[in-house]
Amino acid sequence: MNPAAEHGAKQGGLGRALGQLLAEGNAPHKELSLFVAAFRAGIPATVHVAVGTDTVHMHPAANGAALGAASLADFRTLCAVVADLGAAAPGQPGGVWLNVGSAVIMPEVFLKTVSVARNLGHPLDGMHTANFDMLRHYRPTQNVVTRPVAPGCGHTVIGQHEILLPLLRQAVVEELEAKG
């Protein structure tokens, strides 16, 4: 993590650096890594560090400046991604934001990216959001389901991830197959 923070602070952000270092290194099971898959596909994968919340911050080599710079780069990347969630044309559906299991950090980060996108003039009226979790929490309800999509394209899905996420995947696959 710490070498990725150093690399990501200089170029591309923490998520991209993690994917690149894992892909180019000898990490076991790297073929199962979402960061590696995103790096290889050129898809943004971002990491939003809250210093002191993870065990990697206790390591003597942890560099707060690098973690902050790499995470800030990822925040800016995510702002651009969220800005693209608006409808392509008035009355058309926009993109989808899923919050899966994050009760605090990601709902706060997402709300801030929505504010940045709107303040820069990006319409997000066609955006849809959903919060997937095992129980309802205040922040995801407010910052993912309610505030960003008022008057209403936000959804709450409560249940066990090991059941809900495979069902969601299958529904998406079947919809894509039906469309050709």
N, C-alpha and C. Protein backbone atom coordinates (compact mmCIF):
# COMPACT_ATOMS: atom_id res chain seq x y z
N MET A 1 0.82 -1.20 0.00
CA MET A 1 0.00 0.00 0.00
C MET A 1 0.87 1.26 0.00
N ASN A 2 1.92 1.25 0.80
CA ASN A 2 2.75 2.45 0.90
C ASN A 2 3.51 2.76 -0.39
N PRO A 3 4.09 1.77 -1.07
CA PRO A 3 4.70 2.07 -2.37
C PRO A 3 3.66 2.58 -3.38
N ALA A 4 2.45 2.06 -3.31
CA ALA A 4 1.39 2.52 -4.21
C ALA A 4 1.04 3.98 -3.91
N ALA A 5 1.02 4.35 -2.64
CA ALA A 5 0.74 5.75 -2.29
C ALA A 5 1.83 6.67 -2.84
N GLU A 6 3.08 6.26 -2.70
CA GLU A 6 4.19 7.07 -3.23
C GLU A 6 4.06 7.22 -4.75
N HIS A 7 3.79 6.12 -5.44
CA HIS A 7 3.65 6.14 -6.90
C HIS A 7 2.40 6.94 -7.30
N GLY A 8 1.28 6.69 -6.63
CA GLY A 8 0.03 7.35 -6.96
C GLY A 8 0.04 8.84 -6.71
N ALA A 9 0.85 9.28 -5.75
CA ALA A 9 0.96 10.71 -5.47
C ALA A 9 1.60 11.44 -6.64
N LYS A 10 2.47 10.74 -7.36
CA LYS A 10 3.18 11.35 -8.49
C LYS A 10 2.41 11.21 -9.79
N GLN A 11 1.61 10.14 -9.89
CA GLN A 11 0.97 9.86 -11.18
C GLN A 11 -0.26 8.97 -11.02
N GLY A 12 -1.41 9.49 -11.35
CA GLY A 12 -2.60 8.66 -11.52
C GLY A 12 -3.46 8.36 -10.32
N GLY A 13 -3.02 8.63 -9.11
CA GLY A 13 -3.84 8.35 -7.95
C GLY A 13 -3.58 6.98 -7.34
N LEU A 14 -4.15 6.76 -6.17
CA LEU A 14 -3.89 5.55 -5.39
C LEU A 14 -4.51 4.31 -6.01
N GLY A 15 -5.74 4.39 -6.47
CA GLY A 15 -6.39 3.22 -7.06
C GLY A 15 -5.66 2.70 -8.27
N ARG A 16 -5.29 3.59 -9.17
CA ARG A 16 -4.55 3.20 -10.38
C ARG A 16 -3.19 2.62 -10.01
N ALA A 17 -2.51 3.25 -9.06
CA ALA A 17 -1.18 2.78 -8.65
C ALA A 17 -1.28 1.39 -8.02
N LEU A 18 -2.29 1.16 -7.20
CA LEU A 18 -2.46 -0.18 -6.62
C LEU A 18 -2.65 -1.22 -7.73
N GLY A 19 -3.50 -0.92 -8.69
CA GLY A 19 -3.74 -1.84 -9.79
C GLY A 19 -2.48 -2.10 -10.59
N GLN A 20 -1.73 -1.05 -10.89
CA GLN A 20 -0.52 -1.19 -11.68
C GLN A 20 0.54 -1.99 -10.94
N LEU A 21 0.79 -1.66 -9.67
CA LEU A 21 1.82 -2.36 -8.92
C LEU A 21 1.46 -3.83 -8.71
N LEU A 22 0.19 -4.10 -8.47
CA LEU A 22 -0.23 -5.50 -8.33
C LEU A 22 -0.11 -6.23 -9.66
N ALA A 23 -0.54 -5.60 -10.74
CA ALA A 23 -0.49 -6.24 -12.06
C ALA A 23 0.93 -6.54 -12.49
N GLU A 24 1.85 -5.64 -12.19
CA GLU A 24 3.23 -5.79 -12.63
C GLU A 24 4.09 -6.58 -11.64
N GLY A 25 3.55 -6.84 -10.46
CA GLY A 25 4.30 -7.56 -9.44
C GLY A 25 3.95 -9.03 -9.38
N ASN A 26 4.38 -9.66 -8.31
CA ASN A 26 4.17 -11.09 -8.12
C ASN A 26 3.13 -11.37 -7.05
N ALA A 27 2.15 -10.54 -6.91
CA ALA A 27 1.12 -10.73 -5.88
C ALA A 27 0.34 -12.02 -6.14
N PRO A 28 0.13 -12.81 -5.09
CA PRO A 28 -0.69 -14.02 -5.29
C PRO A 28 -2.13 -13.64 -5.59
N HIS A 29 -2.75 -14.38 -6.47
CA HIS A 29 -4.17 -14.21 -6.80
C HIS A 29 -4.49 -12.86 -7.43
N LYS A 30 -3.50 -12.23 -8.06
CA LYS A 30 -3.75 -10.91 -8.64
C LYS A 30 -4.82 -10.95 -9.73
N GLU A 31 -5.05 -12.12 -10.32
CA GLU A 31 -6.09 -12.25 -11.34
C GLU A 31 -7.49 -12.06 -10.76
N LEU A 32 -7.61 -12.07 -9.44
CA LEU A 32 -8.90 -11.85 -8.78
C LEU A 32 -9.08 -10.42 -8.28
N SER A 33 -8.07 -9.59 -8.47
CA SER A 33 -8.09 -8.23 -7.94
C SER A 33 -8.93 -7.28 -8.80
N LEU A 34 -9.84 -6.57 -8.17
CA LEU A 34 -10.61 -5.54 -8.88
C LEU A 34 -9.70 -4.41 -9.35
N PHE A 35 -8.70 -4.08 -8.56
CA PHE A 35 -7.78 -3.01 -8.95
C PHE A 35 -6.97 -3.40 -10.17
N VAL A 36 -6.53 -4.65 -10.23
CA VAL A 36 -5.78 -5.12 -11.40
C VAL A 36 -6.69 -5.10 -12.63
N ALA A 37 -7.91 -5.62 -12.48
CA ALA A 37 -8.85 -5.64 -13.61
C ALA A 37 -9.14 -4.23 -14.11
N ALA A 38 -9.36 -3.30 -13.19
CA ALA A 38 -9.64 -1.92 -13.58
C ALA A 38 -8.43 -1.30 -14.28
N PHE A 39 -7.24 -1.53 -13.73
CA PHE A 39 -6.02 -0.99 -14.35
C PHE A 39 -5.86 -1.52 -15.77
N ARG A 40 -6.02 -2.82 -15.94
CA ARG A 40 -5.84 -3.41 -17.26
C ARG A 40 -6.89 -2.94 -18.26
N ALA A 41 -8.10 -2.65 -17.77
CA ALA A 41 -9.18 -2.21 -18.65
C ALA A 41 -9.20 -0.69 -18.84
N GLY A 42 -8.36 0.02 -18.10
CA GLY A 42 -8.35 1.48 -18.19
C GLY A 42 -9.57 2.13 -17.55
N ILE A 43 -10.15 1.44 -16.58
CA ILE A 43 -11.34 1.94 -15.87
C ILE A 43 -10.89 2.53 -14.54
N PRO A 44 -11.38 3.71 -14.17
CA PRO A 44 -10.98 4.28 -12.89
C PRO A 44 -11.43 3.42 -11.71
N ALA A 45 -10.50 3.18 -10.81
CA ALA A 45 -10.79 2.57 -9.50
C ALA A 45 -10.15 3.49 -8.49
N THR A 46 -10.92 3.98 -7.56
CA THR A 46 -10.41 5.00 -6.66
C THR A 46 -10.39 4.52 -5.21
N VAL A 47 -9.48 5.13 -4.44
CA VAL A 47 -9.34 4.82 -3.01
C VAL A 47 -9.43 6.15 -2.27
N HIS A 48 -10.25 6.19 -1.24
CA HIS A 48 -10.48 7.44 -0.50
C HIS A 48 -10.05 7.24 0.94
N VAL A 49 -8.83 7.69 1.21
CA VAL A 49 -8.18 7.45 2.48
C VAL A 49 -8.70 8.40 3.55
N ALA A 50 -9.05 7.83 4.67
CA ALA A 50 -9.32 8.60 5.88
C ALA A 50 -8.22 8.18 6.86
N VAL A 51 -7.21 9.01 7.00
CA VAL A 51 -6.02 8.64 7.76
C VAL A 51 -6.38 8.25 9.18
N GLY A 52 -5.84 7.12 9.58
CA GLY A 52 -6.08 6.60 10.92
C GLY A 52 -7.20 5.57 10.98
N THR A 53 -7.85 5.32 9.86
CA THR A 53 -8.96 4.37 9.87
C THR A 53 -8.57 2.97 9.42
N ASP A 54 -7.36 2.81 8.89
CA ASP A 54 -6.94 1.51 8.39
C ASP A 54 -5.62 1.09 9.02
N THR A 55 -5.39 -0.22 9.07
CA THR A 55 -4.17 -0.72 9.70
C THR A 55 -2.91 -0.31 8.95
N VAL A 56 -3.00 -0.06 7.64
CA VAL A 56 -1.80 0.34 6.89
C VAL A 56 -1.24 1.67 7.38
N HIS A 57 -2.03 2.47 8.04
CA HIS A 57 -1.55 3.76 8.53
C HIS A 57 -0.61 3.60 9.73
N MET A 58 -0.63 2.43 10.35
CA MET A 58 0.24 2.20 11.51
C MET A 58 1.64 1.78 11.10
N HIS A 59 1.84 1.44 9.83
CA HIS A 59 3.15 0.98 9.36
C HIS A 59 4.15 2.13 9.43
N PRO A 60 5.37 1.88 9.87
CA PRO A 60 6.36 2.97 9.96
C PRO A 60 6.66 3.64 8.63
N ALA A 61 6.46 2.94 7.51
CA ALA A 61 6.73 3.53 6.20
C ALA A 61 5.56 4.34 5.66
N ALA A 62 4.45 4.39 6.38
CA ALA A 62 3.29 5.14 5.90
C ALA A 62 3.66 6.61 5.75
N ASN A 63 3.34 7.17 4.59
CA ASN A 63 3.67 8.55 4.28
C ASN A 63 2.36 9.31 4.11
N GLY A 64 2.01 10.09 5.10
CA GLY A 64 0.75 10.82 5.09
C GLY A 64 0.62 11.76 3.90
N ALA A 65 1.72 12.40 3.52
CA ALA A 65 1.67 13.32 2.38
C ALA A 65 1.37 12.56 1.09
N ALA A 66 2.00 11.40 0.92
CA ALA A 66 1.76 10.60 -0.29
C ALA A 66 0.34 10.04 -0.28
N LEU A 67 -0.11 9.54 0.86
CA LEU A 67 -1.49 9.03 0.96
C LEU A 67 -2.48 10.13 0.63
N GLY A 68 -2.25 11.32 1.17
CA GLY A 68 -3.15 12.44 0.91
C GLY A 68 -3.16 12.87 -0.54
N ALA A 69 -1.98 12.99 -1.14
CA ALA A 69 -1.89 13.42 -2.54
C ALA A 69 -2.51 12.38 -3.47
N ALA A 70 -2.23 11.09 -3.21
CA ALA A 70 -2.77 10.03 -4.07
C ALA A 70 -4.29 9.95 -3.92
N SER A 71 -4.77 10.10 -2.70
CA SER A 71 -6.22 10.04 -2.46
C SER A 71 -6.91 11.27 -3.05
N LEU A 72 -6.27 12.44 -2.99
CA LEU A 72 -6.85 13.64 -3.59
C LEU A 72 -6.95 13.48 -5.11
N ALA A 73 -5.94 12.87 -5.71
CA ALA A 73 -6.02 12.60 -7.16
C ALA A 73 -7.21 11.69 -7.46
N ASP A 74 -7.43 10.69 -6.60
CA ASP A 74 -8.57 9.79 -6.80
C ASP A 74 -9.89 10.52 -6.59
N PHE A 75 -9.94 11.44 -5.65
CA PHE A 75 -11.17 12.23 -5.45
C PHE A 75 -11.49 13.01 -6.72
N ARG A 76 -10.49 13.61 -7.31
CA ARG A 76 -10.71 14.38 -8.54
C ARG A 76 -11.15 13.47 -9.69
N THR A 77 -10.58 12.29 -9.75
CA THR A 77 -11.02 11.31 -10.76
C THR A 77 -12.48 10.96 -10.54
N LEU A 78 -12.84 10.71 -9.28
CA LEU A 78 -14.22 10.34 -8.98
C LEU A 78 -15.18 11.49 -9.28
N CYS A 79 -14.76 12.73 -9.05
CA CYS A 79 -15.60 13.88 -9.42
C CYS A 79 -15.92 13.85 -10.91
N ALA A 80 -14.93 13.53 -11.73
CA ALA A 80 -15.16 13.46 -13.18
C ALA A 80 -16.10 12.31 -13.53
N VAL A 81 -15.95 11.19 -12.86
CA VAL A 81 -16.84 10.05 -13.10
C VAL A 81 -18.28 10.41 -12.74
N VAL A 82 -18.46 11.01 -11.58
CA VAL A 82 -19.81 11.39 -11.14
C VAL A 82 -20.41 12.44 -12.07
N ALA A 83 -19.60 13.36 -12.54
CA ALA A 83 -20.10 14.38 -13.48
C ALA A 83 -20.68 13.74 -14.73
N ASP A 84 -20.18 12.57 -15.11
CA ASP A 84 -20.67 11.87 -16.29
C ASP A 84 -21.92 11.02 -16.02
N LEU A 85 -22.41 11.01 -14.78
CA LEU A 85 -23.60 10.22 -14.47
C LEU A 85 -24.90 10.91 -14.86
N GLY A 86 -24.81 12.16 -15.28
CA GLY A 86 -26.01 12.87 -15.72
C GLY A 86 -26.53 12.32 -17.03
N ALA A 87 -27.76 12.63 -17.34
CA ALA A 87 -28.37 12.16 -18.58
C ALA A 87 -27.66 12.75 -19.79
N ALA A 88 -27.55 11.94 -20.83
CA ALA A 88 -26.93 12.40 -22.07
C ALA A 88 -27.80 13.45 -22.75
N ALA A 89 -29.11 13.35 -22.56
CA ALA A 89 -30.06 14.30 -23.14
C ALA A 89 -31.22 14.45 -22.16
N PRO A 90 -31.90 15.61 -22.17
CA PRO A 90 -33.03 15.80 -21.26
C PRO A 90 -34.07 14.69 -21.43
N GLY A 91 -34.53 14.17 -20.30
CA GLY A 91 -35.53 13.11 -20.31
C GLY A 91 -34.95 11.72 -20.47
N GLN A 92 -33.64 11.63 -20.67
CA GLN A 92 -32.98 10.33 -20.82
C GLN A 92 -32.41 9.88 -19.48
N PRO A 93 -32.31 8.56 -19.28
CA PRO A 93 -31.71 8.09 -18.04
C PRO A 93 -30.22 8.38 -18.02
N GLY A 94 -29.71 8.58 -16.85
CA GLY A 94 -28.28 8.80 -16.68
C GLY A 94 -27.61 7.56 -16.15
N GLY A 95 -26.47 7.74 -15.51
CA GLY A 95 -25.71 6.63 -14.97
C GLY A 95 -26.22 6.17 -13.62
N VAL A 96 -25.56 5.16 -13.10
CA VAL A 96 -25.97 4.53 -11.85
C VAL A 96 -24.80 4.55 -10.87
N TRP A 97 -25.09 4.94 -9.64
CA TRP A 97 -24.11 4.88 -8.55
C TRP A 97 -24.60 3.85 -7.54
N LEU A 98 -23.77 2.87 -7.22
CA LEU A 98 -24.10 1.88 -6.20
C LEU A 98 -23.18 2.07 -5.00
N ASN A 99 -23.75 2.17 -3.84
CA ASN A 99 -22.99 2.17 -2.60
C ASN A 99 -23.22 0.79 -1.98
N VAL A 100 -22.16 0.02 -1.86
CA VAL A 100 -22.29 -1.34 -1.35
C VAL A 100 -21.55 -1.45 -0.02
N GLY A 101 -22.32 -1.43 1.06
CA GLY A 101 -21.78 -1.73 2.37
C GLY A 101 -20.96 -0.65 3.05
N SER A 102 -20.88 0.54 2.50
CA SER A 102 -20.15 1.61 3.18
C SER A 102 -21.14 2.51 3.90
N ALA A 103 -21.02 2.58 5.20
CA ALA A 103 -21.97 3.34 6.00
C ALA A 103 -21.52 4.78 6.27
N VAL A 104 -20.23 5.09 6.08
CA VAL A 104 -19.74 6.42 6.44
C VAL A 104 -18.91 7.06 5.33
N ILE A 105 -17.73 6.51 5.03
CA ILE A 105 -16.77 7.20 4.16
C ILE A 105 -17.31 7.43 2.75
N MET A 106 -17.71 6.37 2.06
CA MET A 106 -18.13 6.54 0.66
C MET A 106 -19.40 7.37 0.50
N PRO A 107 -20.40 7.24 1.38
CA PRO A 107 -21.53 8.15 1.23
C PRO A 107 -21.13 9.62 1.37
N GLU A 108 -20.18 9.93 2.25
CA GLU A 108 -19.71 11.30 2.39
C GLU A 108 -18.92 11.73 1.16
N VAL A 109 -18.04 10.87 0.68
CA VAL A 109 -17.25 11.19 -0.52
C VAL A 109 -18.18 11.39 -1.71
N PHE A 110 -19.15 10.50 -1.88
CA PHE A 110 -20.07 10.62 -3.00
C PHE A 110 -20.84 11.94 -2.97
N LEU A 111 -21.35 12.31 -1.80
CA LEU A 111 -22.10 13.56 -1.70
C LEU A 111 -21.23 14.76 -2.11
N LYS A 112 -19.96 14.72 -1.71
CA LYS A 112 -19.06 15.82 -2.08
C LYS A 112 -18.80 15.83 -3.59
N THR A 113 -18.67 14.65 -4.21
CA THR A 113 -18.45 14.61 -5.66
C THR A 113 -19.68 15.12 -6.41
N VAL A 114 -20.86 14.83 -5.89
CA VAL A 114 -22.10 15.35 -6.49
C VAL A 114 -22.10 16.87 -6.41
N SER A 115 -21.70 17.42 -5.26
CA SER A 115 -21.64 18.88 -5.11
C SER A 115 -20.66 19.50 -6.10
N VAL A 116 -19.48 18.90 -6.24
CA VAL A 116 -18.49 19.41 -7.18
C VAL A 116 -19.05 19.38 -8.61
N ALA A 117 -19.63 18.24 -8.99
CA ALA A 117 -20.17 18.12 -10.35
C ALA A 117 -21.25 19.16 -10.61
N ARG A 118 -22.17 19.32 -9.69
CA ARG A 118 -23.24 20.31 -9.88
C ARG A 118 -22.69 21.73 -9.88
N ASN A 119 -21.73 22.02 -9.00
CA ASN A 119 -21.16 23.36 -8.96
C ASN A 119 -20.41 23.69 -10.25
N LEU A 120 -19.95 22.68 -10.97
CA LEU A 120 -19.27 22.89 -12.25
C LEU A 120 -20.24 22.86 -13.42
N GLY A 121 -21.55 22.78 -13.11
CA GLY A 121 -22.56 22.88 -14.14
C GLY A 121 -23.02 21.58 -14.78
N HIS A 122 -22.65 20.46 -14.21
CA HIS A 122 -23.07 19.17 -14.77
C HIS A 122 -24.45 18.79 -14.23
N PRO A 123 -25.42 18.62 -15.10
CA PRO A 123 -26.75 18.21 -14.62
C PRO A 123 -26.73 16.72 -14.27
N LEU A 124 -27.24 16.40 -13.12
CA LEU A 124 -27.27 15.01 -12.67
C LEU A 124 -28.69 14.50 -12.51
N ASP A 125 -29.64 15.17 -13.15
CA ASP A 125 -31.05 14.82 -12.96
C ASP A 125 -31.37 13.39 -13.40
N GLY A 126 -30.64 12.85 -14.35
CA GLY A 126 -30.93 11.50 -14.82
C GLY A 126 -30.20 10.40 -14.06
N MET A 127 -29.43 10.78 -13.05
CA MET A 127 -28.65 9.82 -12.28
C MET A 127 -29.56 8.97 -11.38
N HIS A 128 -29.22 7.70 -11.26
CA HIS A 128 -29.91 6.79 -10.34
C HIS A 128 -28.91 6.31 -9.31
N THR A 129 -29.36 6.14 -8.07
CA THR A 129 -28.48 5.63 -7.03
C THR A 129 -29.15 4.49 -6.30
N ALA A 130 -28.32 3.66 -5.69
CA ALA A 130 -28.84 2.58 -4.85
C ALA A 130 -27.85 2.32 -3.73
N ASN A 131 -28.38 2.05 -2.57
CA ASN A 131 -27.57 1.66 -1.43
C ASN A 131 -27.89 0.21 -1.10
N PHE A 132 -26.86 -0.63 -1.16
CA PHE A 132 -26.98 -2.05 -0.80
C PHE A 132 -26.30 -2.24 0.54
N ASP A 133 -27.06 -2.70 1.52
CA ASP A 133 -26.46 -2.97 2.82
C ASP A 133 -27.31 -3.96 3.58
N MET A 134 -26.79 -4.42 4.69
CA MET A 134 -27.51 -5.41 5.50
C MET A 134 -28.51 -4.76 6.45
N LEU A 135 -28.36 -3.46 6.67
CA LEU A 135 -29.35 -2.69 7.42
C LEU A 135 -29.27 -1.24 7.01
N ARG A 136 -30.29 -0.49 7.32
CA ARG A 136 -30.37 0.91 6.90
C ARG A 136 -29.55 1.78 7.85
N HIS A 137 -28.73 2.66 7.25
CA HIS A 137 -27.92 3.61 8.00
C HIS A 137 -28.29 5.03 7.56
N TYR A 138 -28.07 5.99 8.45
CA TYR A 138 -28.42 7.38 8.18
C TYR A 138 -27.67 7.95 6.97
N ARG A 139 -26.33 7.90 6.98
CA ARG A 139 -25.56 8.55 5.91
C ARG A 139 -25.85 8.00 4.52
N PRO A 140 -25.83 6.69 4.32
CA PRO A 140 -26.16 6.22 2.98
C PRO A 140 -27.58 6.59 2.54
N THR A 141 -28.50 6.55 3.49
CA THR A 141 -29.87 6.93 3.14
C THR A 141 -29.94 8.38 2.69
N GLN A 142 -29.30 9.26 3.43
CA GLN A 142 -29.34 10.68 3.10
C GLN A 142 -28.40 11.05 1.94
N ASN A 143 -27.16 10.54 1.99
CA ASN A 143 -26.13 11.01 1.06
C ASN A 143 -26.05 10.23 -0.25
N VAL A 144 -26.74 9.11 -0.33
CA VAL A 144 -26.76 8.32 -1.57
C VAL A 144 -28.17 8.24 -2.14
N VAL A 145 -29.13 7.90 -1.29
CA VAL A 145 -30.48 7.60 -1.77
C VAL A 145 -31.35 8.84 -1.90
N THR A 146 -31.21 9.81 -1.00
CA THR A 146 -32.15 10.93 -0.94
C THR A 146 -31.60 12.22 -1.55
N ARG A 147 -30.61 12.83 -0.93
CA ARG A 147 -30.14 14.17 -1.32
C ARG A 147 -29.67 14.28 -2.77
N PRO A 148 -28.80 13.39 -3.25
CA PRO A 148 -28.25 13.59 -4.60
C PRO A 148 -29.26 13.46 -5.71
N VAL A 149 -30.36 12.74 -5.49
CA VAL A 149 -31.27 12.44 -6.58
C VAL A 149 -32.67 13.00 -6.37
N ALA A 150 -32.83 13.91 -5.41
CA ALA A 150 -34.16 14.48 -5.20
C ALA A 150 -34.66 15.04 -6.52
N PRO A 151 -35.87 14.80 -6.92
CA PRO A 151 -36.99 14.23 -6.18
C PRO A 151 -37.10 12.72 -6.19
N GLY A 152 -36.21 11.99 -6.84
CA GLY A 152 -36.30 10.57 -6.58
C GLY A 152 -35.86 9.57 -7.60
N CYS A 153 -34.65 9.17 -7.62
CA CYS A 153 -34.20 8.00 -8.38
C CYS A 153 -33.29 7.18 -7.49
N GLY A 154 -33.46 7.31 -6.18
CA GLY A 154 -32.63 6.59 -5.23
C GLY A 154 -33.37 5.38 -4.68
N HIS A 155 -32.64 4.30 -4.46
CA HIS A 155 -33.24 3.06 -4.00
C HIS A 155 -32.42 2.49 -2.85
N THR A 156 -33.10 1.86 -1.92
CA THR A 156 -32.45 1.16 -0.81
C THR A 156 -32.75 -0.32 -0.97
N VAL A 157 -31.71 -1.14 -0.92
CA VAL A 157 -31.86 -2.58 -1.02
C VAL A 157 -31.19 -3.19 0.21
N ILE A 158 -31.99 -3.79 1.07
CA ILE A 158 -31.50 -4.34 2.32
C ILE A 158 -31.46 -5.86 2.24
N GLY A 159 -30.33 -6.43 2.59
CA GLY A 159 -30.18 -7.88 2.61
C GLY A 159 -28.73 -8.27 2.69
N GLN A 160 -28.48 -9.56 2.70
CA GLN A 160 -27.13 -10.09 2.78
C GLN A 160 -26.42 -9.91 1.44
N HIS A 161 -25.20 -9.37 1.46
CA HIS A 161 -24.44 -9.12 0.23
C HIS A 161 -24.22 -10.40 -0.57
N GLU A 162 -23.98 -11.50 0.12
CA GLU A 162 -23.68 -12.74 -0.59
C GLU A 162 -24.88 -13.27 -1.36
N ILE A 163 -26.06 -12.75 -1.07
CA ILE A 163 -27.27 -13.10 -1.83
C ILE A 163 -27.60 -11.98 -2.83
N LEU A 164 -27.62 -10.75 -2.36
CA LEU A 164 -28.04 -9.62 -3.20
C LEU A 164 -27.11 -9.35 -4.39
N LEU A 165 -25.81 -9.37 -4.16
CA LEU A 165 -24.89 -9.00 -5.23
C LEU A 165 -24.87 -10.02 -6.37
N PRO A 166 -24.87 -11.32 -6.10
CA PRO A 166 -25.01 -12.26 -7.23
C PRO A 166 -26.35 -12.11 -7.96
N LEU A 167 -27.41 -11.81 -7.22
CA LEU A 167 -28.71 -11.59 -7.88
C LEU A 167 -28.67 -10.33 -8.75
N LEU A 168 -28.06 -9.27 -8.27
CA LEU A 168 -27.92 -8.05 -9.06
C LEU A 168 -27.10 -8.33 -10.32
N ARG A 169 -25.98 -9.03 -10.16
CA ARG A 169 -25.15 -9.38 -11.31
C ARG A 169 -25.94 -10.16 -12.35
N GLN A 170 -26.69 -11.15 -11.89
CA GLN A 170 -27.45 -11.97 -12.83
C GLN A 170 -28.53 -11.15 -13.54
N ALA A 171 -29.17 -10.24 -12.82
CA ALA A 171 -30.19 -9.39 -13.44
C ALA A 171 -29.56 -8.51 -14.52
N VAL A 172 -28.38 -7.97 -14.26
CA VAL A 172 -27.69 -7.13 -15.25
C VAL A 172 -27.29 -7.97 -16.46
N VAL A 173 -26.74 -9.15 -16.22
CA VAL A 173 -26.34 -10.04 -17.33
C VAL A 173 -27.55 -10.38 -18.20
N GLU A 174 -28.65 -10.74 -17.57
CA GLU A 174 -29.86 -11.11 -18.34
C GLU A 174 -30.39 -9.92 -19.12
N GLU A 175 -30.36 -8.73 -18.55
CA GLU A 175 -30.82 -7.54 -19.25
C GLU A 175 -29.92 -7.24 -20.45
N LEU A 176 -28.63 -7.35 -20.27
CA LEU A 176 -27.69 -7.11 -21.38
C LEU A 176 -27.88 -8.16 -22.48
N GLU A 177 -28.06 -9.40 -22.10
CA GLU A 177 -28.28 -10.45 -23.10
C GLU A 177 -29.60 -10.22 -23.87
N ALA A 178 -30.62 -9.75 -23.17
CA ALA A 178 -31.92 -9.50 -23.83
C ALA A 178 -31.81 -8.36 -24.83
N LYS A 179 -30.93 -7.40 -24.57
CA LYS A 179 -30.78 -6.26 -25.47
C LYS A 179 -29.85 -6.57 -26.64
N GLY A 180 -29.21 -7.74 -26.58
CA GLY A 180 -28.48 -8.16 -27.74
C GLY A 180 -27.05 -8.17 -27.69
